[in-house]
Amino acid sequence: MTNMLVIMSDEHQARAMGCAGHPFVQTPNLDALAARGMRFTDAYTPSPICVPARAAFAAGRHVHRTRLWDNAMPYTGKPKGWGHALQAAGVPVESIGKLHYRHEEDPAGFDVEHIPMQVAGGVGMVWGSIRREEERIDMPGRMLGDYIGPGDSKYTEYDAAVTARTAQWLSDRAASNDGRPWCLYVGLVAPHFPLVVPQQYFDLYPPESLPPVKLHPRDGHPRHPWVEKQNAMADSEAKFRDEEERLAAMAAYYGLCTWLDHNVGQILSALGEVGFGEDTTVIYTSDHGDNLGARGLWGKSNLYQESVSVPLIMAGPEVPKGTCDTPVSLLDISATIPAQFDIAFEGDGRSLFDIASEPSDTDRPILSEYHAVGAVSGAFMLRKGRWKLNYYVGFAAELFDLEVDPEELRDLASDPDHAERLAAMEAQLRALIDPEAIDAQAFADQAAMIEGYGGREAALKLGAPAATPPPETKS
């Protein structure tokens, strides 16, 4: 039986890899991993924001089942997930790096959590749970950080420490007398903002090489009303000091993708050097993507491909080589980890081993949802076949044909020729879930939480104002 190494980054846009066909981003280590394994071309997050996505991944269940809706509702070990299944079967399972759960002391499914990054103060961004338009406040400061450009940040320092700790863990494990197959989860934070990256990586992407962004409002493209309201709470685009800084933000993001790739390469080299390379399944993914200026949007928090689609690569001795076009989600990784060790697990996903061994099934439905900061109502994505429905409670839906329009340039929802398709997609969504009931439940749970903290005024003071601070690490 082989080992399992799962590497999850933060905010890595699915297309920002050479192996995914990006025209200039440099990710040689991820490209090499994909070349010796399977790249899933159509992978999604269960929610395009950190804490709910990671809780859903940990539990192997959709967000509306965990009822951990936003960045103030971190995973505590309930409901039990894949880590608990491994522990019950006696498989060593540890983590290094970012988890974004509640407390290190919580029984979250790991034997040991090394330098874990959790939500700020054990509570997270409670202020972001106040999202009704008439109750919320515009976010002070800049979500992307006060400084953008070349240099080092607490996040790059943390990633370096996580990478070094992982190499040491692998060396220690190889030198131990414990021959049991193991599972190690590694959480890296790049390319998540702050958009600061070491100079050598920033310099790889000079301003004149950066492409124009699509569907920008300044070019006359109106944003969907739900998206306009969601973005208004932070509006990162409006807070750039000038065009030079906006381009620096793009360069820093791409530089962070290459910095991330460098760290993945260091980890994979360490894996091979200690003798685990031939008998370890490696999975690489991210918790969600980043809009990176498309539609004048930055960060995540919506249902467009830049935000909701994630990279997913799997390689190992039992993994076929090539690409798989069956739509998948992070919940399928949740099912794959226990399947690696022949452990039964009840969740909402399906093992990637099974999916990869079968002909591609492009009609497989995939669901994502968003109930977090800025959202004035719940938003739900259904991907099925060539079609993608973005359903917003209380707002008009969007419909895209990703086969002919992979960039989502034309919303077909108001086109009479696609009225039957729109109705069919909504019916298929409602066959899976009740969007309005889920939306009401999310608001009710958030209201109860806010009341538990003492009400709106108290809640507005709880949580990190932007990026979650990493823990202190020893040099």
Protein backbone atom coordinates (compact mmCIF):
# COMPACT_ATOMS: atom_id res chain seq x y z
CA MET A 1 0.00 0.00 0.00
CA THR A 2 1.34 3.44 -0.92
CA ASN A 3 1.60 6.66 1.07
CA MET A 4 -0.47 9.79 0.39
CA LEU A 5 0.86 13.36 0.14
CA VAL A 6 -1.76 16.08 -0.36
CA ILE A 7 -0.54 19.60 -1.13
CA MET A 8 -3.14 22.37 -1.08
CA SER A 9 -2.25 25.94 -1.98
CA ASP A 10 -4.47 28.98 -1.51
CA GLU A 11 -6.11 31.04 -4.26
CA HIS A 12 -4.36 29.40 -7.23
CA GLN A 13 -6.30 30.10 -10.40
CA ALA A 14 -6.77 26.81 -12.26
CA ARG A 15 -5.44 28.13 -15.57
CA ALA A 16 -2.27 29.63 -14.04
CA MET A 17 -0.07 26.63 -14.83
CA GLY A 18 1.98 25.81 -17.89
CA CYS A 19 0.43 22.34 -18.04
CA ALA A 20 -3.03 23.95 -18.18
CA GLY A 21 -2.00 25.87 -21.29
CA HIS A 22 -1.23 29.24 -19.75
CA PRO A 23 0.76 31.26 -22.29
CA PHE A 24 3.46 32.57 -19.95
CA VAL A 25 3.14 31.56 -16.29
CA GLN A 26 6.11 29.43 -15.21
CA THR A 27 5.27 26.30 -13.18
CA PRO A 28 7.85 23.69 -14.20
CA ASN A 29 7.44 21.49 -11.13
CA LEU A 30 3.66 21.28 -11.38
CA ASP A 31 4.04 20.68 -15.11
CA ALA A 32 6.40 17.77 -14.39
CA LEU A 33 3.97 16.36 -11.81
CA ALA A 34 1.14 16.52 -14.36
CA ALA A 35 3.35 14.88 -16.99
CA ARG A 36 3.82 11.79 -14.84
CA GLY A 37 0.23 11.62 -13.63
CA MET A 38 -3.31 12.79 -14.27
CA ARG A 39 -4.49 16.39 -14.57
CA PHE A 40 -8.20 16.93 -14.03
CA THR A 41 -9.11 19.68 -16.46
CA ASP A 42 -12.40 20.72 -14.88
CA ALA A 43 -12.09 20.83 -11.08
CA TYR A 44 -14.08 23.04 -8.71
CA THR A 45 -14.19 24.23 -5.13
CA PRO A 46 -17.32 23.57 -3.05
CA SER A 47 -17.21 27.27 -2.08
CA PRO A 48 -15.03 30.08 -3.48
CA ILE A 49 -13.69 31.30 -0.13
CA CYS A 50 -11.16 29.77 2.24
CA VAL A 51 -12.83 28.60 5.44
CA PRO A 52 -16.05 27.04 4.04
CA ALA A 53 -14.11 25.37 1.23
CA ARG A 54 -11.62 23.86 3.64
CA ALA A 55 -14.32 22.74 6.08
CA ALA A 56 -16.21 21.06 3.24
CA PHE A 57 -12.98 19.40 2.11
CA ALA A 58 -12.18 18.19 5.63
CA ALA A 59 -15.67 16.76 6.12
CA GLY A 60 -16.14 15.57 2.55
CA ARG A 61 -19.56 17.23 2.47
CA HIS A 62 -21.13 20.20 0.71
CA VAL A 63 -21.24 23.54 2.53
CA HIS A 64 -25.02 23.37 2.97
CA ARG A 65 -24.48 20.07 4.80
CA THR A 66 -21.65 21.22 7.08
CA ARG A 67 -23.49 24.55 7.69
CA LEU A 68 -20.08 26.19 8.01
CA TRP A 69 -21.02 29.07 5.73
CA ASP A 70 -18.30 31.69 5.91
CA ASN A 71 -14.90 32.72 7.27
CA ALA A 72 -16.27 32.98 10.81
CA MET A 73 -17.42 29.35 10.90
CA PRO A 74 -14.24 27.25 10.94
CA TYR A 75 -14.02 23.49 11.06
CA THR A 76 -13.79 22.05 14.57
CA GLY A 77 -13.74 18.36 13.72
CA LYS A 78 -17.51 18.12 13.22
CA PRO A 79 -18.82 16.54 11.15
CA LYS A 80 -16.08 13.94 11.18
CA GLY A 81 -14.16 13.67 7.94
CA TRP A 82 -11.50 11.76 6.07
CA GLY A 83 -8.83 12.41 8.70
CA HIS A 84 -10.95 10.76 11.38
CA ALA A 85 -11.53 7.78 9.09
CA LEU A 86 -7.76 7.34 8.71
CA GLN A 87 -7.21 7.69 12.44
CA ALA A 88 -9.85 5.07 13.20
CA ALA A 89 -8.08 2.67 10.85
CA GLY A 90 -4.67 3.31 12.41
CA VAL A 91 -3.16 5.18 9.46
CA PRO A 92 -0.67 7.87 10.58
CA VAL A 93 -2.08 11.22 9.42
CA GLU A 94 -0.45 14.59 10.09
CA SER A 95 -0.59 18.13 8.71
CA ILE A 96 1.96 20.85 8.09
CA GLY A 97 0.96 24.43 7.33
CA LYS A 98 -2.31 26.18 6.60
CA LEU A 99 -5.55 24.52 7.67
CA HIS A 100 -7.83 27.50 8.42
CA TYR A 101 -9.74 25.50 11.00
CA ARG A 102 -10.58 26.82 14.51
CA HIS A 103 -8.01 25.68 17.10
CA GLU A 104 -5.01 23.37 17.14
CA GLU A 105 -6.63 21.67 20.13
CA ASP A 106 -9.75 20.65 18.18
CA PRO A 107 -9.94 16.98 17.11
CA ALA A 108 -9.81 17.83 13.40
CA GLY A 109 -8.56 14.47 12.15
CA PHE A 110 -4.76 14.82 12.43
CA ASP A 111 -2.45 13.05 14.85
CA VAL A 112 -0.20 16.14 14.84
CA GLU A 113 -0.67 19.60 13.33
CA HIS A 114 2.73 21.17 12.62
CA ILE A 115 2.86 25.01 12.57
CA PRO A 116 -0.86 25.17 11.73
CA MET A 117 -2.35 28.38 10.41
CA GLN A 118 -5.88 28.71 11.79
CA VAL A 119 -8.53 31.45 11.74
CA ALA A 120 -7.61 34.60 13.63
CA GLY A 121 -8.36 34.32 17.33
CA GLY A 122 -10.28 31.10 16.88
CA VAL A 123 -13.27 33.06 15.55
CA GLY A 124 -12.38 34.26 12.06
CA MET A 125 -13.92 37.16 10.13
CA VAL A 126 -17.13 37.62 12.12
CA TRP A 127 -17.58 41.10 10.65
CA GLY A 128 -17.90 39.47 7.22
CA SER A 129 -20.92 37.48 8.39
CA ILE A 130 -22.90 40.72 8.52
CA ARG A 131 -23.82 40.73 4.86
CA ARG A 132 -27.35 42.05 4.44
CA GLU A 133 -26.94 45.18 2.37
CA GLU A 134 -28.65 47.43 4.90
CA GLU A 135 -26.59 46.12 7.84
CA ARG A 136 -23.04 45.66 6.59
CA ILE A 137 -20.25 48.22 6.34
CA ASP A 138 -17.76 48.78 3.56
CA MET A 139 -14.47 47.15 4.42
CA PRO A 140 -11.84 49.63 5.62
CA GLY A 141 -8.37 49.48 4.12
CA ARG A 142 -7.33 47.20 1.25
CA MET A 143 -7.98 43.49 1.20
CA LEU A 144 -4.93 42.98 -1.04
CA GLY A 145 -2.56 44.63 1.47
CA ASP A 146 -1.02 48.05 2.04
CA TYR A 147 2.04 47.26 -0.10
CA ILE A 148 2.08 45.45 -3.45
CA GLY A 149 5.27 44.47 -5.25
CA PRO A 150 8.63 42.73 -4.80
CA GLY A 151 9.87 41.72 -1.36
CA ASP A 152 9.09 39.31 1.44
CA SER A 153 5.97 39.07 3.55
CA LYS A 154 4.86 37.04 6.54
CA TYR A 155 3.20 34.73 4.02
CA THR A 156 6.31 34.04 1.94
CA GLU A 157 8.25 33.48 5.17
CA TYR A 158 5.57 31.08 6.34
CA ASP A 159 5.60 29.12 3.08
CA ALA A 160 9.36 28.78 3.32
CA ALA A 161 8.99 27.45 6.87
CA VAL A 162 6.23 25.02 5.84
CA THR A 163 8.37 23.74 2.98
CA ALA A 164 11.40 23.25 5.23
CA ARG A 165 9.29 21.53 7.90
CA THR A 166 7.85 19.19 5.29
CA ALA A 167 11.30 18.19 4.04
CA GLN A 168 12.36 17.51 7.62
CA TRP A 169 9.19 15.50 8.31
CA LEU A 170 9.82 13.31 5.30
CA SER A 171 13.43 12.75 6.34
CA ASP A 172 12.41 11.88 9.89
CA ARG A 173 9.69 9.54 8.68
CA ALA A 174 12.08 7.72 6.36
CA ALA A 175 14.57 7.30 9.21
CA SER A 176 11.96 5.98 11.64
CA ASN A 177 11.22 2.32 12.33
CA ASP A 178 7.55 2.84 11.50
CA GLY A 179 6.88 1.13 8.20
CA ARG A 180 3.16 1.89 8.06
CA PRO A 181 1.88 3.79 5.03
CA TRP A 182 1.20 7.40 6.00
CA CYS A 183 -0.85 10.41 4.93
CA LEU A 184 0.60 13.93 5.07
CA TYR A 185 -1.38 17.06 4.28
CA VAL A 186 0.66 20.20 3.44
CA GLY A 187 -0.96 23.64 3.30
CA LEU A 188 0.86 26.44 1.43
CA VAL A 189 -0.56 29.97 1.29
CA ALA A 190 0.79 31.35 -2.01
CA PRO A 191 -0.51 32.81 -4.28
CA HIS A 192 -2.97 34.29 -1.73
CA PHE A 193 -2.57 38.02 -1.13
CA PRO A 194 -0.76 40.07 0.20
CA LEU A 195 0.64 40.45 -3.30
CA VAL A 196 4.29 40.52 -2.27
CA VAL A 197 6.82 38.08 -3.72
CA PRO A 198 10.63 37.79 -3.76
CA GLN A 199 12.21 40.00 -6.39
CA GLN A 200 13.43 37.17 -8.63
CA TYR A 201 9.88 35.90 -9.09
CA PHE A 202 8.36 39.36 -9.51
CA ASP A 203 10.86 40.11 -12.27
CA LEU A 204 9.65 37.13 -14.31
CA TYR A 205 6.51 39.07 -15.24
CA PRO A 206 7.37 42.60 -16.44
CA PRO A 207 4.44 45.00 -16.94
CA GLU A 208 4.72 45.04 -20.73
CA SER A 209 4.23 41.25 -20.82
CA LEU A 210 0.93 41.27 -18.93
CA PRO A 211 -2.30 40.82 -20.87
CA PRO A 212 -5.33 43.11 -20.72
CA VAL A 213 -8.17 41.88 -18.53
CA LYS A 214 -11.53 40.89 -19.91
CA LEU A 215 -14.95 42.47 -19.38
CA HIS A 216 -13.69 45.43 -17.38
CA PRO A 217 -16.40 47.93 -16.35
CA ARG A 218 -14.22 50.81 -17.50
CA ASP A 219 -14.56 49.38 -21.03
CA GLY A 220 -18.34 49.47 -20.79
CA HIS A 221 -19.04 45.96 -19.51
CA PRO A 222 -21.66 46.04 -16.73
CA ARG A 223 -21.26 43.56 -13.89
CA HIS A 224 -24.13 41.31 -12.85
CA PRO A 225 -26.15 43.08 -10.10
CA TRP A 226 -25.40 40.40 -7.48
CA VAL A 227 -21.69 40.55 -8.30
CA GLU A 228 -21.74 44.36 -8.19
CA LYS A 229 -23.21 44.31 -4.69
CA GLN A 230 -20.86 41.57 -3.48
CA ASN A 231 -17.78 43.36 -4.79
CA ALA A 232 -18.84 46.75 -3.40
CA MET A 233 -17.96 45.69 0.16
CA ALA A 234 -14.22 45.61 -0.66
CA ASP A 235 -13.80 46.88 -4.25
CA SER A 236 -10.08 46.14 -4.51
CA GLU A 237 -9.85 47.48 -8.06
CA ALA A 238 -10.93 50.97 -6.96
CA LYS A 239 -8.25 51.05 -4.26
CA PHE A 240 -5.21 50.72 -6.51
CA ARG A 241 -3.19 53.92 -6.38
CA ASP A 242 -2.56 53.94 -10.12
CA GLU A 243 -2.23 51.72 -13.19
CA GLU A 244 1.37 50.90 -12.30
CA GLU A 245 0.28 49.39 -9.01
CA ARG A 246 -2.51 47.41 -10.68
CA LEU A 247 0.05 45.86 -13.04
CA ALA A 248 2.37 45.23 -10.09
CA ALA A 249 -0.47 43.30 -8.47
CA MET A 250 -0.77 41.08 -11.53
CA ALA A 251 3.00 40.55 -11.67
CA ALA A 252 3.12 39.71 -7.98
CA TYR A 253 0.26 37.20 -8.31
CA TYR A 254 1.95 35.40 -11.19
CA GLY A 255 5.24 35.59 -9.32
CA LEU A 256 3.57 33.97 -6.32
CA CYS A 257 2.37 31.17 -8.60
CA THR A 258 5.99 30.50 -9.55
CA TRP A 259 7.10 30.86 -5.91
CA LEU A 260 4.45 28.28 -5.02
CA ASP A 261 5.73 26.02 -7.78
CA HIS A 262 9.28 26.37 -6.41
CA ASN A 263 8.10 25.20 -2.99
CA VAL A 264 6.18 22.28 -4.47
CA GLY A 265 9.36 21.34 -6.29
CA GLN A 266 11.34 21.44 -3.04
CA ILE A 267 8.80 19.15 -1.38
CA LEU A 268 8.74 16.67 -4.25
CA SER A 269 12.54 16.62 -4.38
CA ALA A 270 12.65 15.85 -0.66
CA LEU A 271 10.08 13.09 -1.17
CA GLY A 272 12.30 11.44 -3.75
CA GLU A 273 15.56 11.96 -1.90
CA VAL A 274 14.40 10.02 1.16
CA GLY A 275 13.07 7.13 -0.90
CA PHE A 276 9.32 7.79 -0.89
CA GLY A 277 9.01 8.95 -4.48
CA GLU A 278 8.07 5.60 -5.99
CA ASP A 279 5.47 4.58 -3.42
CA THR A 280 3.58 7.80 -2.69
CA THR A 281 0.45 9.16 -4.33
CA VAL A 282 0.73 12.94 -4.66
CA ILE A 283 -2.27 15.23 -5.04
CA TYR A 284 -1.91 18.94 -5.76
CA THR A 285 -4.83 21.36 -5.62
CA SER A 286 -5.97 24.72 -4.24
CA ASP A 287 -8.94 25.78 -2.14
CA HIS A 288 -10.29 28.20 -4.79
CA GLY A 289 -9.06 30.54 -7.51
CA ASP A 290 -8.62 34.29 -7.99
CA ASN A 291 -10.31 36.72 -10.40
CA LEU A 292 -7.04 38.58 -11.00
CA GLY A 293 -8.69 41.68 -12.44
CA ALA A 294 -11.21 40.01 -14.75
CA ARG A 295 -14.44 42.06 -14.68
CA GLY A 296 -12.60 44.50 -12.44
CA LEU A 297 -12.63 41.90 -9.64
CA TRP A 298 -9.84 40.67 -7.35
CA GLY A 299 -9.74 37.84 -4.87
CA LYS A 300 -12.40 35.15 -5.08
CA SER A 301 -16.00 35.11 -3.76
CA ASN A 302 -18.00 34.62 -6.96
CA LEU A 303 -18.96 31.81 -9.33
CA TYR A 304 -16.95 32.68 -12.44
CA GLN A 305 -14.32 30.20 -13.60
CA GLU A 306 -11.39 32.33 -12.41
CA SER A 307 -12.72 32.10 -8.85
CA VAL A 308 -14.52 28.77 -8.58
CA SER A 309 -12.28 26.54 -10.70
CA VAL A 310 -9.18 24.96 -9.12
CA PRO A 311 -6.07 23.11 -10.31
CA LEU A 312 -6.04 19.38 -9.60
CA ILE A 313 -3.17 17.00 -10.38
CA MET A 314 -2.71 13.45 -9.09
CA ALA A 315 0.34 11.27 -9.66
CA GLY A 316 1.49 7.99 -8.22
CA PRO A 317 2.11 4.31 -8.91
CA GLU A 318 -1.60 3.50 -9.44
CA VAL A 319 -2.55 6.69 -11.28
CA PRO A 320 -2.98 6.63 -15.07
CA LYS A 321 -1.21 9.30 -17.10
CA GLY A 322 -2.93 11.97 -19.14
CA THR A 323 -5.88 14.28 -18.60
CA CYS A 324 -9.40 13.62 -17.35
CA ASP A 325 -12.26 15.87 -18.49
CA THR A 326 -14.84 14.56 -16.02
CA PRO A 327 -15.87 17.49 -13.80
CA VAL A 328 -14.67 16.96 -10.22
CA SER A 329 -14.46 18.88 -6.95
CA LEU A 330 -12.41 19.03 -3.77
CA LEU A 331 -15.01 16.67 -2.27
CA ASP A 332 -13.70 13.99 -4.61
CA ILE A 333 -10.24 14.38 -3.06
CA SER A 334 -11.94 13.89 0.32
CA ALA A 335 -13.19 10.53 -0.98
CA THR A 336 -9.86 9.65 -2.62
CA ILE A 337 -7.73 9.89 0.53
CA PRO A 338 -9.49 7.09 2.48
CA ALA A 339 -9.89 5.09 -0.74
CA GLN A 340 -6.08 5.11 -1.04
CA PHE A 341 -5.98 3.08 2.20
CA ASP A 342 -9.04 0.90 1.44
CA ILE A 343 -11.07 2.68 4.11
CA ALA A 344 -14.82 3.17 3.81
CA PHE A 345 -15.95 6.80 3.92
CA GLU A 346 -19.40 8.34 3.60
CA GLY A 347 -19.24 11.72 1.91
CA ASP A 348 -20.50 13.65 -1.10
CA GLY A 349 -17.54 12.89 -3.36
CA ARG A 350 -16.22 9.98 -5.37
CA SER A 351 -12.71 8.55 -5.52
CA LEU A 352 -10.51 10.11 -8.18
CA PHE A 353 -8.95 6.69 -8.70
CA ASP A 354 -12.31 5.45 -9.97
CA ILE A 355 -13.01 8.61 -11.98
CA ALA A 356 -9.58 8.55 -13.63
CA SER A 357 -9.90 4.88 -14.60
CA GLU A 358 -13.17 5.41 -16.48
CA PRO A 359 -13.98 7.23 -19.74
CA SER A 360 -14.59 10.94 -19.19
CA ASP A 361 -18.14 11.76 -18.13
CA THR A 362 -18.55 15.43 -18.95
CA ASP A 363 -22.23 15.36 -17.89
CA ARG A 364 -21.34 14.74 -14.25
CA PRO A 365 -22.98 17.55 -12.23
CA ILE A 366 -20.85 19.66 -9.89
CA LEU A 367 -22.19 22.09 -7.29
CA SER A 368 -20.55 25.09 -5.65
CA GLU A 369 -22.12 27.71 -3.37
CA TYR A 370 -21.31 31.01 -1.67
CA HIS A 371 -22.85 32.55 1.47
CA ALA A 372 -19.96 34.61 2.80
CA VAL A 373 -18.54 38.13 2.95
CA GLY A 374 -20.27 40.60 0.64
CA ALA A 375 -23.01 38.22 -0.52
CA VAL A 376 -26.42 39.86 -0.14
CA SER A 377 -27.98 36.45 -0.88
CA GLY A 378 -26.87 32.91 -1.53
CA ALA A 379 -25.27 32.03 -4.86
CA PHE A 380 -25.14 28.56 -6.38
CA MET A 381 -23.25 27.15 -9.37
CA LEU A 382 -24.30 24.04 -11.25
CA ARG A 383 -21.89 22.72 -13.87
CA LYS A 384 -23.36 20.01 -16.08
CA GLY A 385 -22.03 19.10 -19.49
CA ARG A 386 -21.21 22.14 -21.58
CA TRP A 387 -23.54 24.29 -19.49
CA LYS A 388 -22.96 26.33 -16.38
CA LEU A 389 -25.71 27.96 -14.33
CA ASN A 390 -24.99 30.68 -11.79
CA TYR A 391 -28.13 30.98 -9.67
CA TYR A 392 -28.50 33.97 -7.33
CA VAL A 393 -31.35 34.03 -4.80
CA GLY A 394 -33.44 37.13 -5.56
CA PHE A 395 -31.52 38.03 -8.74
CA ALA A 396 -31.50 36.96 -12.38
CA ALA A 397 -29.47 33.85 -13.13
CA GLU A 398 -26.55 33.57 -15.55
CA LEU A 399 -26.15 30.80 -18.13
CA PHE A 400 -22.92 30.05 -19.99
CA ASP A 401 -22.03 27.58 -22.72
CA LEU A 402 -18.46 26.71 -21.74
CA GLU A 403 -17.90 24.65 -24.85
CA VAL A 404 -18.07 27.64 -27.19
CA ASP A 405 -17.51 30.35 -24.57
CA PRO A 406 -14.95 29.11 -22.01
CA GLU A 407 -14.17 32.71 -20.96
CA GLU A 408 -17.83 33.34 -19.99
CA LEU A 409 -18.06 36.39 -22.22
CA ARG A 410 -21.74 35.97 -23.12
CA ASP A 411 -24.50 35.37 -20.59
CA LEU A 412 -27.26 33.44 -22.38
CA ALA A 413 -29.85 33.61 -19.61
CA SER A 414 -31.88 36.38 -21.25
CA ASP A 415 -31.61 34.91 -24.76
CA PRO A 416 -35.04 33.52 -25.82
CA ASP A 417 -33.29 30.80 -27.80
CA HIS A 418 -31.89 29.41 -24.53
CA ALA A 419 -34.99 29.76 -22.35
CA GLU A 420 -35.61 26.01 -22.31
CA ARG A 421 -31.99 25.29 -21.44
CA LEU A 422 -32.10 27.84 -18.59
CA ALA A 423 -35.28 26.26 -17.22
CA ALA A 424 -33.79 22.78 -17.52
CA MET A 425 -30.61 23.78 -15.68
CA GLU A 426 -32.60 25.43 -12.89
CA ALA A 427 -34.77 22.32 -12.61
CA GLN A 428 -31.65 20.19 -12.34
CA LEU A 429 -30.30 22.49 -9.63
CA ARG A 430 -33.57 22.22 -7.71
CA ALA A 431 -33.49 18.44 -8.05
CA LEU A 432 -30.26 18.56 -6.04
CA ILE A 433 -30.99 21.35 -3.54
CA ASP A 434 -33.51 24.00 -2.50
CA PRO A 435 -31.58 27.27 -2.99
CA GLU A 436 -34.04 29.49 -1.13
CA ALA A 437 -34.23 27.17 1.88
CA ILE A 438 -30.44 26.92 2.04
CA ASP A 439 -30.13 30.71 1.75
CA ALA A 440 -32.56 31.17 4.65
CA GLN A 441 -30.69 28.62 6.76
CA ALA A 442 -27.36 30.36 6.13
CA PHE A 443 -28.72 33.75 7.17
CA ALA A 444 -30.37 32.24 10.26
CA ASP A 445 -27.18 30.48 11.35
CA GLN A 446 -25.13 33.65 10.82
CA ALA A 447 -27.63 35.77 12.73
CA ALA A 448 -27.52 33.34 15.65
CA MET A 449 -23.73 33.42 15.65
CA ILE A 450 -23.63 37.23 15.58
CA GLU A 451 -26.12 37.41 18.42
CA GLY A 452 -23.95 34.97 20.37
CA TYR A 453 -21.03 37.38 20.08
CA GLY A 454 -23.12 40.23 21.47
CA GLY A 455 -24.77 41.61 18.37
CA ARG A 456 -23.77 43.58 15.31
CA GLU A 457 -21.55 46.21 16.94
CA ALA A 458 -19.54 43.58 18.81
CA ALA A 459 -19.30 41.36 15.72
CA LEU A 460 -17.93 44.20 13.59
CA LYS A 461 -14.81 44.21 15.77
CA LEU A 462 -14.10 40.48 15.50
CA GLY A 463 -11.71 38.97 12.97
CA ALA A 464 -8.69 39.85 10.89
CA PRO A 465 -9.31 42.88 8.61
CA ALA A 466 -7.81 41.17 5.56
CA ALA A 467 -5.46 38.19 5.19
CA THR A 468 -5.34 35.86 8.19
CA PRO A 469 -2.04 36.29 10.07
CA PRO A 470 0.21 33.22 10.00
CA PRO A 471 1.64 31.68 13.17
CA GLU A 472 5.13 32.41 14.37
CA THR A 473 7.70 30.00 12.98
CA LYS A 474 11.21 29.22 14.12
CA SER A 475 13.94 30.12 11.65
